[in-house]
Protein backbone atom coordinates (compact mmCIF):
# COMPACT_ATOMS: atom_id res chain seq x y z
CA MET A 1 134.34 156.94 127.99
CA THR A 2 133.78 154.19 130.44
CA ALA A 3 132.79 150.52 129.67
CA THR A 4 129.83 149.33 131.52
CA ALA A 5 129.77 145.82 132.78
CA THR A 6 126.87 143.56 131.51
CA SER A 7 125.73 140.60 133.43
CA PRO A 8 126.14 137.39 131.29
CA SER A 9 122.68 136.32 132.27
CA ARG A 10 121.18 139.30 130.63
CA VAL A 11 122.94 138.77 127.34
CA ARG A 12 120.39 137.36 124.82
CA SER A 13 122.24 135.76 121.83
CA PRO A 14 120.33 135.38 118.59
CA ARG A 15 120.56 131.46 119.11
CA ASN A 16 118.57 131.70 122.35
CA GLY A 17 115.96 133.84 120.83
CA LEU A 18 115.68 131.51 117.82
CA ARG A 19 115.37 128.50 120.12
CA ARG A 20 112.56 130.30 122.11
CA GLY A 21 110.79 131.05 118.91
CA GLU A 22 110.97 127.40 117.95
CA THR A 23 109.69 126.33 121.18
CA LEU A 24 106.71 128.56 121.10
CA ALA A 25 105.95 127.57 117.41
CA GLY A 26 106.21 123.91 118.45
CA TRP A 27 103.70 124.36 121.30
CA LEU A 28 101.41 126.23 119.09
CA PHE A 29 101.25 123.48 116.39
CA THR A 30 101.12 120.59 119.04
CA GLY A 31 98.82 122.38 121.46
CA PRO A 32 95.47 121.44 119.66
CA VAL A 33 96.49 117.88 119.23
CA LEU A 34 97.41 117.66 123.01
CA VAL A 35 94.18 119.14 123.93
CA ILE A 36 92.17 116.70 121.71
CA LEU A 37 94.23 113.79 122.98
CA GLY A 38 93.68 114.88 126.62
CA VAL A 39 89.93 115.33 126.25
CA PHE A 40 89.15 112.32 124.15
CA LEU A 41 91.74 109.88 125.26
CA LEU A 42 93.36 110.66 128.63
CA ILE A 43 90.32 111.86 130.42
CA PRO A 44 88.17 108.73 129.36
CA VAL A 45 90.98 106.43 130.36
CA LEU A 46 91.17 108.14 133.83
CA MET A 47 87.32 107.82 134.07
CA ALA A 48 87.48 104.14 133.23
CA LEU A 49 90.15 103.59 135.85
CA TRP A 50 87.87 105.10 138.45
CA VAL A 51 85.05 102.94 137.19
CA SER A 52 87.13 99.77 137.79
CA PHE A 53 87.39 100.80 141.50
CA SER A 54 83.68 101.60 141.83
CA ASP A 55 80.25 99.95 141.73
CA TRP A 56 79.00 102.25 138.95
CA SER A 57 75.77 100.83 137.39
CA GLY A 58 76.16 102.50 133.96
CA ARG A 59 73.51 105.17 134.65
CA GLY A 60 74.24 108.65 135.49
CA SER A 61 77.70 110.16 136.16
CA PRO A 62 80.28 107.73 137.55
CA PHE A 63 81.38 110.60 139.84
CA SER A 64 77.97 111.05 141.54
CA SER A 65 77.45 110.52 145.25
CA GLN A 66 75.57 107.34 144.59
CA VAL A 67 78.52 105.62 143.17
CA GLY A 68 80.57 103.87 145.94
CA PHE A 69 84.32 103.10 145.95
CA VAL A 70 84.79 99.23 146.21
CA GLY A 71 88.67 99.22 145.92
CA LEU A 72 90.06 96.13 144.34
CA ASP A 73 86.76 94.08 144.54
CA ASN A 74 86.30 94.13 140.80
CA TYR A 75 89.91 92.97 140.13
CA ALA A 76 89.67 90.31 142.80
CA ALA A 77 86.28 89.13 141.33
CA VAL A 78 88.03 88.26 138.05
CA THR A 79 91.39 86.99 139.46
CA VAL A 80 91.18 85.36 142.96
CA ASP A 81 87.57 84.79 144.07
CA GLY A 82 87.19 81.71 142.25
CA GLY A 83 83.62 82.25 140.92
CA LEU A 84 82.34 82.18 137.47
CA PRO A 85 83.81 85.65 136.60
CA THR A 86 87.28 84.23 137.53
CA ARG A 87 86.76 81.03 135.53
CA ASP A 88 85.51 83.09 132.49
CA PHE A 89 88.50 85.33 132.73
CA GLY A 90 90.71 82.34 132.89
CA ILE A 91 89.17 80.73 129.85
CA ALA A 92 89.49 84.03 127.90
CA LEU A 93 93.13 84.52 129.00
CA ARG A 94 93.96 80.80 127.97
CA ASN A 95 92.28 81.42 124.53
CA ASN A 96 93.98 84.61 123.84
CA GLY A 97 97.39 83.32 125.20
CA TRP A 98 97.39 80.52 122.62
CA TYR A 99 96.34 83.02 120.08
CA VAL A 100 99.22 85.21 120.67
CA LEU A 101 101.68 82.35 121.01
CA LEU A 102 100.78 81.19 117.55
CA VAL A 103 99.76 84.23 115.64
CA VAL A 104 102.75 86.49 116.45
CA PRO A 105 105.53 84.11 115.39
CA LEU A 106 103.72 82.87 112.31
CA GLN A 107 102.82 86.40 111.07
CA THR A 108 106.26 87.73 111.59
CA ALA A 109 107.99 84.80 110.02
CA LEU A 110 105.60 84.86 106.99
CA SER A 111 105.84 88.66 106.46
CA LEU A 112 109.62 88.49 106.64
CA PHE A 113 109.71 85.62 104.16
CA LEU A 114 107.33 87.48 101.62
CA ALA A 115 109.42 90.70 102.00
CA VAL A 116 112.63 88.80 101.19
CA LEU A 117 110.72 87.30 98.29
CA VAL A 118 109.27 90.45 96.71
CA ASN A 119 112.51 92.38 97.36
CA ARG A 120 114.53 90.28 95.06
CA ALA A 121 115.55 92.18 91.90
CA ILE A 122 115.31 88.94 89.69
CA LEU A 123 111.54 88.64 90.64
CA ARG A 124 109.23 89.83 87.75
CA GLY A 125 106.10 91.68 88.60
CA ARG A 126 107.16 92.62 92.22
CA GLY A 127 104.56 95.42 92.23
CA PHE A 128 101.79 92.87 91.48
CA PHE A 129 102.88 90.57 94.22
CA ARG A 130 103.29 93.27 96.81
CA THR A 131 99.77 94.52 96.04
CA ALA A 132 98.37 90.93 96.07
CA PHE A 133 100.09 90.23 99.49
CA TYR A 134 99.01 93.54 100.97
CA PHE A 135 95.34 93.52 99.71
CA PRO A 136 93.90 91.33 102.67
CA SER A 137 95.17 93.94 105.14
CA VAL A 138 93.06 96.61 103.63
CA THR A 139 89.92 94.52 103.36
CA SER A 140 87.22 94.98 106.09
CA THR A 141 87.65 92.71 109.05
CA VAL A 142 83.91 92.07 109.05
CA ALA A 143 83.92 90.97 105.42
CA ILE A 144 87.03 88.81 105.82
CA THR A 145 85.33 87.08 108.92
CA VAL A 146 82.21 86.36 107.04
CA LEU A 147 84.28 84.85 104.12
CA TRP A 148 86.19 82.89 106.67
CA LEU A 149 82.89 81.49 108.16
CA PHE A 150 81.97 80.33 104.65
CA LEU A 151 85.35 78.81 103.90
CA PHE A 152 85.59 76.90 107.15
CA SER A 153 82.01 75.69 107.42
CA ALA A 154 81.40 71.96 107.60
CA SER A 155 80.76 71.86 103.81
CA GLY A 156 83.03 74.64 102.98
CA VAL A 157 85.90 75.04 100.56
CA VAL A 158 88.57 74.12 103.03
CA ASN A 159 87.04 70.69 104.05
CA GLU A 160 86.32 70.07 100.40
CA VAL A 161 89.99 70.53 99.67
CA LEU A 162 90.96 68.35 102.51
CA SER A 163 88.70 65.59 101.27
CA TRP A 164 90.70 65.42 98.10
CA VAL A 165 93.75 64.18 100.05
CA GLY A 166 91.77 61.76 102.13
CA ILE A 167 91.37 64.02 105.28
CA ASN A 168 88.03 64.35 106.94
CA GLY A 169 87.93 67.90 107.88
CA PRO A 170 86.34 68.97 111.22
CA ASN A 171 83.39 71.14 111.89
CA TRP A 172 85.66 74.08 112.34
CA PHE A 173 83.54 76.79 114.20
CA ASN A 174 81.47 74.13 116.14
CA ASP A 175 84.35 72.22 117.59
CA PRO A 176 85.60 73.23 121.17
CA SER A 177 88.28 70.55 121.59
CA GLY A 178 91.87 71.75 121.86
CA ILE A 179 94.26 70.87 119.14
CA VAL A 180 97.01 69.77 121.63
CA HIS A 181 94.56 67.57 123.52
CA ASN A 182 93.44 66.05 120.10
CA GLY A 183 97.04 65.42 119.16
CA LEU A 184 97.57 63.62 122.50
CA ALA A 185 94.48 61.73 122.12
CA SER A 186 95.51 60.43 118.78
CA VAL A 187 98.55 58.55 120.50
CA GLY A 188 96.37 57.27 123.35
CA ILE A 189 96.78 60.14 125.95
CA VAL A 190 93.31 61.13 127.00
CA ASP A 191 93.78 62.20 130.67
CA GLY A 192 96.54 64.36 132.19
CA PRO A 193 98.80 63.37 135.14
CA ALA A 194 97.58 64.17 138.55
CA TRP A 195 99.96 67.08 139.02
CA LEU A 196 98.38 68.84 136.12
CA THR A 197 94.78 68.00 136.70
CA GLY A 198 94.91 68.41 140.57
CA ASN A 199 96.15 72.11 140.49
CA ASP A 200 94.36 75.10 138.88
CA PHE A 201 94.93 78.69 138.07
CA LEU A 202 92.13 81.17 137.44
CA GLY A 203 89.45 78.41 137.68
CA LEU A 204 91.28 76.01 135.22
CA SER A 205 93.52 73.04 135.82
CA TRP A 206 96.92 73.30 134.24
CA TRP A 207 95.71 70.36 132.07
CA GLN A 208 93.12 72.53 130.69
CA TRP A 209 95.46 75.49 130.18
CA LEU A 210 97.55 73.11 127.97
CA ALA A 211 94.69 72.02 125.89
CA GLY A 212 95.83 74.36 123.12
CA PRO A 213 93.67 76.58 121.03
CA SER A 214 90.25 75.03 120.15
CA VAL A 215 89.60 73.98 116.43
CA ALA A 216 87.43 77.07 116.15
CA MET A 217 90.13 79.40 117.44
CA THR A 218 92.68 77.71 115.05
CA ALA A 219 90.58 78.89 112.14
CA LEU A 220 90.69 82.50 113.46
CA ILE A 221 94.48 82.14 113.98
CA PHE A 222 94.82 81.33 110.24
CA MET A 223 92.60 84.26 109.55
CA ALA A 224 94.75 86.57 111.61
CA VAL A 225 98.01 85.52 109.92
CA PHE A 226 96.41 85.89 106.44
CA THR A 227 95.07 89.35 107.09
CA THR A 228 98.05 90.95 108.96
CA SER A 229 101.08 89.53 107.10
CA GLY A 230 100.82 91.91 104.20
CA THR A 231 101.09 94.98 106.37
CA PHE A 232 104.13 93.76 108.15
CA MET A 233 105.53 92.61 104.95
CA LEU A 234 105.75 96.31 103.71
CA LEU A 235 107.61 97.36 106.82
CA PHE A 236 110.16 94.65 106.25
CA VAL A 237 110.45 95.69 102.57
CA ALA A 238 111.18 99.28 103.45
CA ALA A 239 113.87 98.05 105.92
CA LEU A 240 115.47 95.77 103.43
CA GLN A 241 115.70 98.36 100.84
CA ASN A 242 117.63 100.60 103.37
CA ILE A 243 120.33 97.89 103.74
CA GLY A 244 123.38 98.87 101.60
CA GLY A 245 124.33 96.39 98.90
CA GLU A 246 128.06 96.80 99.77
CA ILE A 247 127.50 94.91 103.11
CA GLN A 248 126.04 91.97 101.18
CA GLU A 249 128.96 92.04 98.73
CA ALA A 250 131.52 92.11 101.68
CA ALA A 251 129.89 89.06 103.11
CA MET A 252 129.90 87.19 99.66
CA ILE A 253 133.70 88.00 99.28
CA ASP A 254 134.22 86.49 102.85
CA GLY A 255 132.59 83.34 101.56
CA ALA A 256 129.20 83.53 103.32
CA ASN A 257 126.58 81.53 101.69
CA GLY A 258 122.91 82.88 101.40
CA TRP A 259 121.66 81.60 104.73
CA GLN A 260 124.79 83.01 106.56
CA ARG A 261 124.35 86.41 104.92
CA PHE A 262 120.79 86.40 105.88
CA TRP A 263 121.22 85.28 109.49
CA ARG A 264 124.26 87.11 110.25
CA VAL A 265 124.10 90.25 108.15
CA THR A 266 120.60 91.09 107.04
CA LEU A 267 118.61 89.92 110.11
CA PRO A 268 120.77 91.93 112.76
CA GLN A 269 120.03 95.12 110.70
CA LEU A 270 116.42 94.36 110.76
CA ARG A 271 116.29 94.38 114.62
CA PRO A 272 114.29 97.91 114.87
CA THR A 273 111.80 96.77 112.28
CA LEU A 274 111.52 93.37 114.01
CA PHE A 275 110.84 95.14 117.29
CA THR A 276 108.17 97.19 115.77
CA VAL A 277 106.45 94.29 113.95
CA ILE A 278 106.50 92.09 117.03
CA THR A 279 105.21 94.99 119.18
CA LEU A 280 102.34 95.79 116.91
CA GLY A 281 101.62 92.02 116.62
CA LEU A 282 101.38 91.70 120.36
CA ILE A 283 99.16 94.66 120.77
CA GLY A 284 96.85 93.53 117.98
CA CYS A 285 96.62 90.01 119.09
CA TRP A 286 95.88 90.79 122.80
CA GLN A 287 93.15 93.19 121.68
CA VAL A 288 91.31 90.83 119.25
CA TYR A 289 87.59 91.61 119.38
CA ASP A 290 86.09 92.44 116.03
CA GLN A 291 86.59 88.91 114.65
CA ILE A 292 85.17 87.33 117.72
CA TYR A 293 82.10 89.64 117.82
CA THR A 294 81.40 89.21 114.15
CA GLY A 295 82.13 85.58 113.84
CA THR A 296 81.66 83.49 116.97
CA GLN A 297 80.80 85.67 120.03
CA GLY A 298 82.86 83.31 122.06
CA THR A 299 81.26 80.07 121.05
CA PRO A 300 81.67 77.22 120.97
CA ALA A 301 81.86 76.56 124.72
CA LYS A 302 83.58 79.96 125.26
CA THR A 303 86.63 78.67 123.53
CA THR A 304 86.89 81.74 121.23
CA MET A 305 86.32 84.14 124.04
CA THR A 306 88.94 86.80 124.58
CA PRO A 307 89.58 89.31 127.42
CA ALA A 308 88.62 92.15 125.12
CA TYR A 309 85.32 90.46 124.19
CA LEU A 310 84.75 89.46 127.87
CA SER A 311 85.23 93.12 128.93
CA TYR A 312 82.62 94.09 126.44
CA THR A 313 80.05 91.41 127.57
CA SER A 314 80.79 92.20 131.23
CA ALA A 315 80.17 95.88 130.82
CA PHE A 316 77.60 96.22 128.11
CA LEU A 317 75.62 92.96 128.38
CA ASP A 318 75.89 92.08 132.04
CA GLN A 319 75.89 95.78 133.12
CA ASP A 320 78.85 95.03 135.48
CA TRP A 321 80.86 98.05 134.32
CA GLY A 322 83.32 97.79 137.19
CA GLN A 323 84.40 94.23 136.17
CA GLY A 324 84.42 95.18 132.55
CA ALA A 325 86.89 98.13 133.19
CA ALA A 326 88.93 95.93 135.43
CA ILE A 327 89.37 93.34 132.89
CA ALA A 328 90.43 96.19 130.32
CA PHE A 329 93.12 97.42 132.68
CA ILE A 330 94.42 93.89 133.38
CA LEU A 331 94.79 93.46 129.76
CA PHE A 332 96.59 96.76 129.39
CA ALA A 333 99.03 95.58 132.11
CA ILE A 334 99.56 92.37 130.20
CA ILE A 335 100.33 94.17 127.01
CA VAL A 336 102.73 96.57 128.66
CA ALA A 337 104.55 93.56 130.31
CA PHE A 338 104.83 91.57 127.11
CA THR A 339 106.10 94.63 125.26
CA ALA A 340 108.76 95.31 127.87
CA PHE A 341 109.79 91.70 127.79
CA GLN A 342 110.26 91.52 124.00
CA ARG A 343 112.00 94.92 124.15
CA TRP A 344 114.43 93.35 126.48
CA VAL A 345 114.98 90.25 124.38
CA LEU A 346 115.67 92.25 121.28
CA ARG A 347 117.88 94.90 122.98
CA GLU A 348 121.38 95.67 121.63
CA ARG A 349 124.01 93.48 123.37
CA PRO A 350 127.54 94.70 123.63
CA VAL A 351 130.26 92.44 122.13
CA SER A 352 131.97 90.44 124.80
CA LYS A 353 135.67 90.72 125.21
CA ARG A 354 136.05 87.01 124.38
CA ARG A 355 134.21 87.33 121.09
CA ALA A 356 136.18 90.56 120.25
CA ARG A 357 139.54 88.69 120.91
CA GLN A 358 138.43 85.73 118.72
CA TYR A 359 137.47 88.27 115.92
CA GLN A 360 140.82 89.89 116.15
CA VAL A 361 142.69 86.59 115.88
CA LYS A 362 140.67 85.59 113.04
CA GLU A 363 141.39 88.75 111.27
CA ALA A 364 145.11 88.52 112.09
CA LYS A 365 145.35 85.16 110.44
CA ARG A 366 144.02 86.51 107.20
């Protein structure tokens, strides 16, 4: 009886067969979803990318022979040509930039504060407060916007409350002045220095870029913080409940007070959730559209116009589909850049050797 040599490559172990079966099952389950995403997401995005490089008029197929390739002309029209499309894009970018700069930190801080508040064991009726804080997030944006228009009207509830404390409230949704310029004007600074007023970017001087959000946009900023903080609060609550109590007890034994425990123990463990909240906040703020369309449609004086709304008006109202698509892809690049930047800021940093030695010396002294 002779033993026959078998090639190792031909040996099929049960583990390899199981893995192949799992791979096949995985593709069978995910295949339909991938097809749906490809047909209804990837292909339309690629078609829109082609439109941004073409002079498509919106009629017929964008791939017909009548549609010409114009290269980067649509992108140049809104960024470097210096005409009305460039100025409109600069105004929209300024408005949205101030919107992001104020909404993302405010909604993140407020949602974290609410999460810490409702996560405390000594708070009675925590379920009620969680529901109350979350309720605006599930309310229709259109309904909230209409309500906000009523509350912030010239004779609305907000101005009525401000009158009780002697403040003459502005005509919120009809005031195009920037709040930073208004604050400077209150101390006598009306005109900016020559180095700010003499140079421009995207059709606006740097003094105009620093005007701050308009009074009308400020009301929309309040609305965004009010409607989104409840959603992010739930994310922070879930993260707080996953933090072990023994870590807090160890910090208390070491003599850390409440603020030190939050800043040096709790907050570092919330880094993944903080990244998620800020990322979702950035994406949502740069894509703001429905509040603008329902409430102001860019008025007054285009101070509430955003790139997303400008993309819509360029394509669907002005029938300039190439510029509308170009604005959308520029906005996409901005969102990716901001997301990558905040990911870099919130990355895990290794402990330096100096800090490690300081910690060892401190432990040795104990």
